């Protein structure tokens, strides 16, 4: 591989953070990846608790950031992220 290829391979894409850190979009994408993998049956039953725990921690982090005034976009659905108007209806079921 030439030096030119190495330089372009490590260059950040448009919209990516220059510092190499994560952004809220990356965390939302990880939640979406987890959702797709579980829908397709790619995760074994005995792995679901660990994967679900990580997913819920990601959503909780996004919710906390949003409550702190950060622009995180729409929060993914979560057992702990139910809109107030839906909570009583679900509790009644």
C-alpha atoms as a PDB file:
ATOM      1  CA  UNK A   1       0.000   0.000   0.000  1.00  0.00           C
ATOM      2  CA  UNK A   2       1.383   3.409  -0.902  1.00  0.00           C
ATOM      3  CA  UNK A   3       1.646   6.362   1.440  1.00  0.00           C
ATOM      4  CA  UNK A   4      -1.139   8.078  -0.484  1.00  0.00           C
ATOM      5  CA  UNK A   5      -3.514   5.209   0.272  1.00  0.00           C
ATOM      6  CA  UNK A   6      -2.576   5.235   3.948  1.00  0.00           C
ATOM      7  CA  UNK A   7      -3.167   8.965   4.219  1.00  0.00           C
ATOM      8  CA  UNK A   8      -6.604   8.818   2.628  1.00  0.00           C
ATOM      9  CA  UNK A   9      -7.563   5.721   4.597  1.00  0.00           C
ATOM     10  CA  UNK A  10      -6.905   7.463   7.913  1.00  0.00           C
ATOM     11  CA  UNK A  11      -8.373  10.838   6.932  1.00  0.00           C
ATOM     12  CA  UNK A  12     -11.680  11.575   8.680  1.00  0.00           C
ATOM     13  CA  UNK A  13     -14.798  11.556   6.524  1.00  0.00           C
ATOM     14  CA  UNK A  14     -16.997  14.620   6.294  1.00  0.00           C
ATOM     15  CA  UNK A  15     -19.044  15.076   9.446  1.00  0.00           C
ATOM     16  CA  UNK A  16     -16.756  12.948  11.618  1.00  0.00           C
ATOM     17  CA  UNK A  17     -15.179  14.513  14.681  1.00  0.00           C
ATOM     18  CA  UNK A  18     -11.613  15.644  14.049  1.00  0.00           C
ATOM     19  CA  UNK A  19     -10.461  14.505  17.496  1.00  0.00           C
ATOM     20  CA  UNK A  20     -11.228  10.867  16.684  1.00  0.00           C
ATOM     21  CA  UNK A  21     -13.778  10.662  19.516  1.00  0.00           C
ATOM     22  CA  UNK A  22     -17.360   9.511  19.470  1.00  0.00           C
ATOM     23  CA  UNK A  23     -20.288  11.761  18.765  1.00  0.00           C
ATOM     24  CA  UNK A  24     -23.987  11.329  19.523  1.00  0.00           C
ATOM     25  CA  UNK A  25     -24.639  10.094  15.984  1.00  0.00           C
ATOM     26  CA  UNK A  26     -22.144   7.259  16.518  1.00  0.00           C
ATOM     27  CA  UNK A  27     -23.973   6.153  19.660  1.00  0.00           C
ATOM     28  CA  UNK A  28     -27.346   6.335  17.917  1.00  0.00           C
ATOM     29  CA  UNK A  29     -25.894   4.261  15.059  1.00  0.00           C
ATOM     30  CA  UNK A  30     -24.664   1.642  17.552  1.00  0.00           C
ATOM     31  CA  UNK A  31     -28.188   1.383  18.998  1.00  0.00           C
ATOM     32  CA  UNK A  32     -29.581   0.931  15.481  1.00  0.00           C
ATOM     33  CA  UNK A  33     -26.993  -1.779  14.745  1.00  0.00           C
ATOM     34  CA  UNK A  34     -27.984  -3.631  17.916  1.00  0.00           C
ATOM     35  CA  UNK A  35     -31.656  -3.369  16.929  1.00  0.00           C
ATOM     36  CA  UNK A  36     -31.016  -4.730  13.427  1.00  0.00           C
ATOM     37  CA  UNK A  37     -28.862  -7.581  14.743  1.00  0.00           C
ATOM     38  CA  UNK A  38     -31.504  -8.671  17.236  1.00  0.00           C
ATOM     39  CA  UNK A  39     -34.282  -8.445  14.634  1.00  0.00           C
ATOM     40  CA  UNK A  40     -32.277 -10.686  12.312  1.00  0.00           C
ATOM     41  CA  UNK A  41     -31.509 -13.196  15.048  1.00  0.00           C
ATOM     42  CA  UNK A  42     -27.765 -12.580  14.978  1.00  0.00           C
ATOM     43  CA  UNK A  43     -27.480 -12.584  18.772  1.00  0.00           C
ATOM     44  CA  UNK A  44     -27.842 -15.767  20.803  1.00  0.00           C
ATOM     45  CA  UNK A  45     -30.414 -15.901  23.571  1.00  0.00           C
ATOM     46  CA  UNK A  46     -27.792 -16.135  26.296  1.00  0.00           C
ATOM     47  CA  UNK A  47     -26.159 -12.950  24.956  1.00  0.00           C
ATOM     48  CA  UNK A  48     -29.321 -10.844  24.926  1.00  0.00           C
ATOM     49  CA  UNK A  49     -29.031  -9.566  28.500  1.00  0.00           C
ATOM     50  CA  UNK A  50     -25.530  -8.215  27.968  1.00  0.00           C
ATOM     51  CA  UNK A  51     -26.364  -6.700  24.581  1.00  0.00           C
ATOM     52  CA  UNK A  52     -29.601  -5.202  25.900  1.00  0.00           C
ATOM     53  CA  UNK A  53     -27.786  -3.724  28.883  1.00  0.00           C
ATOM     54  CA  UNK A  54     -25.265  -1.993  26.627  1.00  0.00           C
ATOM     55  CA  UNK A  55     -28.080  -0.732  24.387  1.00  0.00           C
ATOM     56  CA  UNK A  56     -29.990   0.702  27.341  1.00  0.00           C
ATOM     57  CA  UNK A  57     -26.828   2.373  28.650  1.00  0.00           C
ATOM     58  CA  UNK A  58     -26.316   4.019  25.245  1.00  0.00           C
ATOM     59  CA  UNK A  59     -29.925   5.278  25.239  1.00  0.00           C
ATOM     60  CA  UNK A  60     -29.600   6.513  28.843  1.00  0.00           C
ATOM     61  CA  UNK A  61     -26.429   8.404  27.874  1.00  0.00           C
ATOM     62  CA  UNK A  62     -28.227  10.034  24.940  1.00  0.00           C
ATOM     63  CA  UNK A  63     -31.223  10.910  27.158  1.00  0.00           C
ATOM     64  CA  UNK A  64     -28.941  12.485  29.780  1.00  0.00           C
ATOM     65  CA  UNK A  65     -27.134  14.484  27.096  1.00  0.00           C
ATOM     66  CA  UNK A  66     -30.469  15.679  25.689  1.00  0.00           C
ATOM     67  CA  UNK A  67     -31.664  16.702  29.164  1.00  0.00           C
ATOM     68  CA  UNK A  68     -28.396  18.635  29.553  1.00  0.00           C
ATOM     69  CA  UNK A  69     -29.248  20.665  26.457  1.00  0.00           C
ATOM     70  CA  UNK A  70     -27.184  18.782  23.860  1.00  0.00           C
ATOM     71  CA  UNK A  71     -28.528  18.326  20.328  1.00  0.00           C
ATOM     72  CA  UNK A  72     -28.758  14.537  20.062  1.00  0.00           C
ATOM     73  CA  UNK A  73     -31.691  14.168  17.695  1.00  0.00           C
ATOM     74  CA  UNK A  74     -34.579  11.804  18.322  1.00  0.00           C
ATOM     75  CA  UNK A  75     -33.987   9.260  21.061  1.00  0.00           C
ATOM     76  CA  UNK A  76     -34.324   5.586  20.133  1.00  0.00           C
ATOM     77  CA  UNK A  77     -37.225   3.722  21.766  1.00  0.00           C
ATOM     78  CA  UNK A  78     -36.380   2.237  25.136  1.00  0.00           C
ATOM     79  CA  UNK A  79     -38.042   0.679  28.140  1.00  0.00           C
ATOM     80  CA  UNK A  80     -36.804   3.705  30.090  1.00  0.00           C
ATOM     81  CA  UNK A  81     -37.530   6.258  27.370  1.00  0.00           C
ATOM     82  CA  UNK A  82     -41.303   6.138  27.093  1.00  0.00           C
ATOM     83  CA  UNK A  83     -43.022   9.453  26.348  1.00  0.00           C
ATOM     84  CA  UNK A  84     -45.205  10.611  29.251  1.00  0.00           C
ATOM     85  CA  UNK A  85     -48.455  10.330  27.262  1.00  0.00           C
ATOM     86  CA  UNK A  86     -47.740   6.650  26.433  1.00  0.00           C
ATOM     87  CA  UNK A  87     -46.653   5.549  29.913  1.00  0.00           C
ATOM     88  CA  UNK A  88     -50.142   5.216  31.485  1.00  0.00           C
ATOM     89  CA  UNK A  89     -51.501   3.294  28.489  1.00  0.00           C
ATOM     90  CA  UNK A  90     -48.681   0.757  28.655  1.00  0.00           C
ATOM     91  CA  UNK A  91     -49.073   0.400  32.426  1.00  0.00           C
ATOM     92  CA  UNK A  92     -52.776  -0.383  31.981  1.00  0.00           C
ATOM     93  CA  UNK A  93     -52.061  -3.352  29.674  1.00  0.00           C
END
